[in-house]
Amino acid sequence: MIYLIVYLMIINLTAFFIYGIDKRKSIKGKWRIKETTLLAFSLLGGGIGSLLGMSTYRHKTQKTKFRLGVPILTVISIALIYLLITTLNLSL
């Protein structure tokens, strides 16, 4: 269970900072991180970090794909994590 907690902390911190990096790149007109990569973080358990990154950096907040996609993928990832925990009989 501790591995899951550590994983979720790392993936959420990474998601948060990746949104900041992409925002900085967009301001400077540099090569950007793919939208599918940004969205994948939400599905892989980094939804909270993605939402906080979007809000903090004001990045991708006007795009419907992100306004709807990140919360939906976050709910899906939470459901998958719950299923994993209950299937493996892990205790919180």
C-alpha atoms as a PDB file:
ATOM      1  CA  MET A   1       0.000   0.000   0.000  1.00  0.00           C
ATOM      2  CA  ILE A   2       2.870   2.359   0.755  1.00  0.00           C
ATOM      3  CA  TYR A   3       4.058   1.932  -2.842  1.00  0.00           C
ATOM      4  CA  LEU A   4       0.684   3.095  -4.128  1.00  0.00           C
ATOM      5  CA  ILE A   5       0.784   6.184  -1.921  1.00  0.00           C
ATOM      6  CA  VAL A   6       4.328   7.031  -3.016  1.00  0.00           C
ATOM      7  CA  TYR A   7       3.363   6.462  -6.667  1.00  0.00           C
ATOM      8  CA  LEU A   8       0.342   8.774  -6.371  1.00  0.00           C
ATOM      9  CA  MET A   9       2.415  11.481  -4.710  1.00  0.00           C
ATOM     10  CA  ILE A  10       5.067  11.301  -7.444  1.00  0.00           C
ATOM     11  CA  ILE A  11       2.606  11.184 -10.356  1.00  0.00           C
ATOM     12  CA  ASN A  12       0.618  14.140  -8.974  1.00  0.00           C
ATOM     13  CA  LEU A  13       3.707  16.263  -8.339  1.00  0.00           C
ATOM     14  CA  THR A  14       4.977  15.419 -11.806  1.00  0.00           C
ATOM     15  CA  ALA A  15       1.621  16.306 -13.374  1.00  0.00           C
ATOM     16  CA  PHE A  16       1.544  19.616 -11.514  1.00  0.00           C
ATOM     17  CA  PHE A  17       5.016  20.607 -12.663  1.00  0.00           C
ATOM     18  CA  ILE A  18       4.530  19.342 -16.233  1.00  0.00           C
ATOM     19  CA  TYR A  19       1.621  21.783 -16.648  1.00  0.00           C
ATOM     20  CA  GLY A  20       3.867  24.584 -15.424  1.00  0.00           C
ATOM     21  CA  ILE A  21       6.643  23.564 -17.800  1.00  0.00           C
ATOM     22  CA  ASP A  22       4.223  23.445 -20.740  1.00  0.00           C
ATOM     23  CA  LYS A  23       2.818  26.861 -19.821  1.00  0.00           C
ATOM     24  CA  ARG A  24       6.332  28.323 -19.705  1.00  0.00           C
ATOM     25  CA  LYS A  25       7.117  26.768 -23.085  1.00  0.00           C
ATOM     26  CA  SER A  26       3.921  28.202 -24.564  1.00  0.00           C
ATOM     27  CA  ILE A  27       4.820  31.700 -23.366  1.00  0.00           C
ATOM     28  CA  LYS A  28       8.314  31.426 -24.837  1.00  0.00           C
ATOM     29  CA  GLY A  29       7.043  29.936 -28.105  1.00  0.00           C
ATOM     30  CA  LYS A  30       9.059  26.764 -27.668  1.00  0.00           C
ATOM     31  CA  TRP A  31       8.297  23.137 -28.464  1.00  0.00           C
ATOM     32  CA  ARG A  32       5.357  21.969 -26.332  1.00  0.00           C
ATOM     33  CA  ILE A  33       4.345  18.845 -24.452  1.00  0.00           C
ATOM     34  CA  LYS A  34       1.720  16.828 -26.335  1.00  0.00           C
ATOM     35  CA  GLU A  35      -1.856  17.246 -25.151  1.00  0.00           C
ATOM     36  CA  THR A  36      -2.235  13.463 -24.985  1.00  0.00           C
ATOM     37  CA  THR A  37       0.708  13.340 -22.586  1.00  0.00           C
ATOM     38  CA  LEU A  38      -0.848  15.998 -20.364  1.00  0.00           C
ATOM     39  CA  LEU A  39      -4.172  14.151 -20.337  1.00  0.00           C
ATOM     40  CA  ALA A  40      -2.481  10.795 -19.723  1.00  0.00           C
ATOM     41  CA  PHE A  41      -1.248  12.036 -16.352  1.00  0.00           C
ATOM     42  CA  SER A  42      -4.878  12.337 -15.227  1.00  0.00           C
ATOM     43  CA  LEU A  43      -5.658   8.782 -16.242  1.00  0.00           C
ATOM     44  CA  LEU A  44      -2.496   7.423 -14.620  1.00  0.00           C
ATOM     45  CA  GLY A  45      -3.425   8.807 -11.202  1.00  0.00           C
ATOM     46  CA  GLY A  46      -2.188  12.381 -11.479  1.00  0.00           C
ATOM     47  CA  GLY A  47      -5.562  14.037 -11.849  1.00  0.00           C
ATOM     48  CA  ILE A  48      -5.343  16.154  -8.719  1.00  0.00           C
ATOM     49  CA  GLY A  49      -1.915  17.421  -9.754  1.00  0.00           C
ATOM     50  CA  SER A  50      -3.249  18.127 -13.252  1.00  0.00           C
ATOM     51  CA  LEU A  51      -6.226  20.076 -11.907  1.00  0.00           C
ATOM     52  CA  LEU A  52      -4.013  22.053  -9.536  1.00  0.00           C
ATOM     53  CA  GLY A  53      -1.518  22.700 -12.339  1.00  0.00           C
ATOM     54  CA  MET A  54      -4.243  23.915 -14.671  1.00  0.00           C
ATOM     55  CA  SER A  55      -5.578  26.236 -11.984  1.00  0.00           C
ATOM     56  CA  THR A  56      -2.243  27.491 -10.652  1.00  0.00           C
ATOM     57  CA  TYR A  57      -0.641  28.152 -14.031  1.00  0.00           C
ATOM     58  CA  ARG A  58      -3.934  29.091 -15.762  1.00  0.00           C
ATOM     59  CA  HIS A  59      -3.041  26.612 -18.440  1.00  0.00           C
ATOM     60  CA  LYS A  60      -5.455  24.747 -20.727  1.00  0.00           C
ATOM     61  CA  THR A  61      -8.404  26.073 -18.728  1.00  0.00           C
ATOM     62  CA  GLN A  62     -10.222  27.386 -21.808  1.00  0.00           C
ATOM     63  CA  LYS A  63      -9.921  24.150 -23.777  1.00  0.00           C
ATOM     64  CA  THR A  64     -13.020  21.973 -23.509  1.00  0.00           C
ATOM     65  CA  LYS A  65     -10.897  18.866 -23.958  1.00  0.00           C
ATOM     66  CA  PHE A  66      -9.109  19.714 -20.717  1.00  0.00           C
ATOM     67  CA  ARG A  67     -11.992  21.307 -18.796  1.00  0.00           C
ATOM     68  CA  LEU A  68     -13.996  18.092 -19.237  1.00  0.00           C
ATOM     69  CA  GLY A  69     -11.276  15.546 -19.940  1.00  0.00           C
ATOM     70  CA  VAL A  70      -9.126  16.028 -16.855  1.00  0.00           C
ATOM     71  CA  PRO A  71     -12.001  15.654 -14.350  1.00  0.00           C
ATOM     72  CA  ILE A  72     -13.460  12.668 -16.239  1.00  0.00           C
ATOM     73  CA  LEU A  73     -10.089  10.928 -16.473  1.00  0.00           C
ATOM     74  CA  THR A  74      -9.479  11.690 -12.801  1.00  0.00           C
ATOM     75  CA  VAL A  75     -12.748  10.004 -11.800  1.00  0.00           C
ATOM     76  CA  ILE A  76     -11.891   7.013 -13.992  1.00  0.00           C
ATOM     77  CA  SER A  77      -8.450   6.749 -12.397  1.00  0.00           C
ATOM     78  CA  ILE A  78      -9.928   6.956  -8.882  1.00  0.00           C
ATOM     79  CA  ALA A  79     -12.364   4.178  -9.787  1.00  0.00           C
ATOM     80  CA  LEU A  80      -9.520   2.042 -11.143  1.00  0.00           C
ATOM     81  CA  ILE A  81      -7.421   2.624  -8.027  1.00  0.00           C
ATOM     82  CA  TYR A  82     -10.406   1.715  -5.839  1.00  0.00           C
ATOM     83  CA  LEU A  83     -10.950  -1.431  -7.892  1.00  0.00           C
ATOM     84  CA  LEU A  84      -7.261  -2.312  -7.548  1.00  0.00           C
ATOM     85  CA  ILE A  85      -7.339  -1.820  -3.789  1.00  0.00           C
ATOM     86  CA  THR A  86     -10.507  -3.863  -3.283  1.00  0.00           C
ATOM     87  CA  THR A  87      -9.459  -6.614  -5.692  1.00  0.00           C
ATOM     88  CA  LEU A  88      -6.104  -7.055  -4.005  1.00  0.00           C
ATOM     89  CA  ASN A  89      -7.688  -6.675  -0.541  1.00  0.00           C
ATOM     90  CA  LEU A  90      -5.312  -3.874   0.397  1.00  0.00           C
ATOM     91  CA  SER A  91      -6.106  -1.840   3.466  1.00  0.00           C
ATOM     92  CA  LEU A  92      -5.839   1.904   3.646  1.00  0.00           C
END
